[in-house]
Amino acid sequence: MWAKVDSVGDRVLFFDRHGHGFSLEGNGAAELRRDCVYFMHEKRTWVDAGEHRFLCRYSMEDREVDRVVSLADTFGDTWVVPGLCPSE
């Protein structure tokens, strides 16, 4: 069940364009901002040149979206999280 929230506190949320996601603690992660949602965005135009796939960040506090980094077309739009898999 979905519920509208104004903040995710110290969490950082990650979503791909298929709706798959996960969250992590935002404290102590140098490159991540707490209370933010990170997502993949693809911008296609009629003239399909230049950068058009981006990792974006939505700040729950500021209510603003910004581009974090441009991604090459060879990258998929899903998250790889090896630390979430149990080791044997």
Protein backbone atom coordinates (compact mmCIF):
# COMPACT_ATOMS: atom_id res chain seq x y z
CA MET A 1 0.00 0.00 0.00
CA TRP A 2 1.30 3.45 -0.91
CA ALA A 3 1.14 6.45 1.42
CA LYS A 4 2.11 10.06 0.76
CA VAL A 5 4.99 11.29 2.93
CA ASP A 6 6.74 14.65 3.22
CA SER A 7 10.09 13.24 4.32
CA VAL A 8 12.06 10.00 4.44
CA GLY A 9 14.25 11.36 7.24
CA ASP A 10 17.74 9.89 7.30
CA ARG A 11 16.91 7.40 4.54
CA VAL A 12 17.90 7.54 0.87
CA LEU A 13 15.53 5.90 -1.64
CA PHE A 14 16.54 4.42 -5.00
CA PHE A 15 14.14 3.59 -7.85
CA ASP A 16 14.61 2.42 -11.42
CA ARG A 17 12.13 3.21 -14.18
CA HIS A 18 10.39 -0.13 -13.61
CA GLY A 19 9.38 0.75 -10.05
CA HIS A 20 11.97 -1.47 -8.37
CA GLY A 21 13.69 0.13 -5.43
CA PHE A 22 15.34 -0.04 -2.06
CA SER A 23 16.50 2.30 0.69
CA LEU A 24 19.68 2.86 2.69
CA GLU A 25 20.73 4.91 5.69
CA GLY A 26 21.78 8.35 4.49
CA ASN A 27 24.11 9.12 7.37
CA GLY A 28 27.78 8.55 6.72
CA ALA A 29 27.48 8.06 2.95
CA ALA A 30 29.69 10.79 1.50
CA GLU A 31 28.11 10.90 -1.96
CA LEU A 32 24.48 10.43 -0.92
CA ARG A 33 22.14 13.05 0.48
CA ARG A 34 19.68 12.04 3.17
CA ASP A 35 15.96 12.66 2.63
CA CYS A 36 16.37 12.23 -1.14
CA VAL A 37 15.07 9.93 -3.86
CA TYR A 38 17.53 8.84 -6.56
CA PHE A 39 16.13 7.68 -9.89
CA MET A 40 17.07 7.04 -13.51
CA HIS A 41 15.71 9.45 -16.11
CA GLU A 42 15.83 9.01 -19.86
CA LYS A 43 15.27 12.00 -22.12
CA ARG A 44 14.84 11.12 -25.80
CA THR A 45 14.41 13.69 -28.54
CA TRP A 46 13.75 13.57 -32.27
CA VAL A 47 17.40 14.39 -32.81
CA ASP A 48 18.84 11.56 -30.75
CA ALA A 49 22.28 13.05 -30.12
CA GLY A 50 24.21 13.84 -26.98
CA GLU A 51 23.58 12.78 -23.43
CA HIS A 52 20.06 11.66 -22.64
CA ARG A 53 20.26 9.18 -19.75
CA PHE A 54 20.77 10.58 -16.27
CA LEU A 55 20.91 9.68 -12.61
CA CYS A 56 18.71 12.27 -10.90
CA ARG A 57 18.00 13.20 -7.31
CA TYR A 58 14.76 14.55 -5.84
CA SER A 59 15.20 16.38 -2.53
CA MET A 60 12.19 15.84 -0.26
CA GLU A 61 13.24 18.88 1.78
CA ASP A 62 13.81 21.33 -1.11
CA ARG A 63 11.19 19.77 -3.45
CA GLU A 64 13.70 20.07 -6.31
CA VAL A 65 15.15 17.67 -8.89
CA ASP A 66 18.73 17.88 -10.09
CA ARG A 67 20.89 15.76 -12.37
CA VAL A 68 23.63 13.96 -10.48
CA VAL A 69 25.49 12.42 -13.41
CA SER A 70 25.07 11.60 -17.11
CA LEU A 71 25.13 7.89 -17.95
CA ALA A 72 26.38 6.17 -21.08
CA ASP A 73 23.83 4.34 -23.23
CA THR A 74 25.58 1.08 -22.43
CA PHE A 75 24.49 1.22 -18.79
CA GLY A 76 21.23 -0.41 -17.84
CA ASP A 77 18.72 1.43 -15.71
CA THR A 78 18.79 -0.81 -12.69
CA TRP A 79 20.67 -0.81 -9.40
CA VAL A 80 23.40 -3.29 -8.52
CA VAL A 81 23.86 -3.64 -4.78
CA PRO A 82 26.38 -6.38 -3.96
CA GLY A 83 26.40 -5.46 -0.25
CA LEU A 84 22.79 -6.59 0.11
CA CYS A 85 23.59 -10.20 -0.83
CA PRO A 86 24.62 -12.54 1.99
CA SER A 87 28.13 -13.95 1.72
CA GLU A 88 28.79 -17.66 1.98
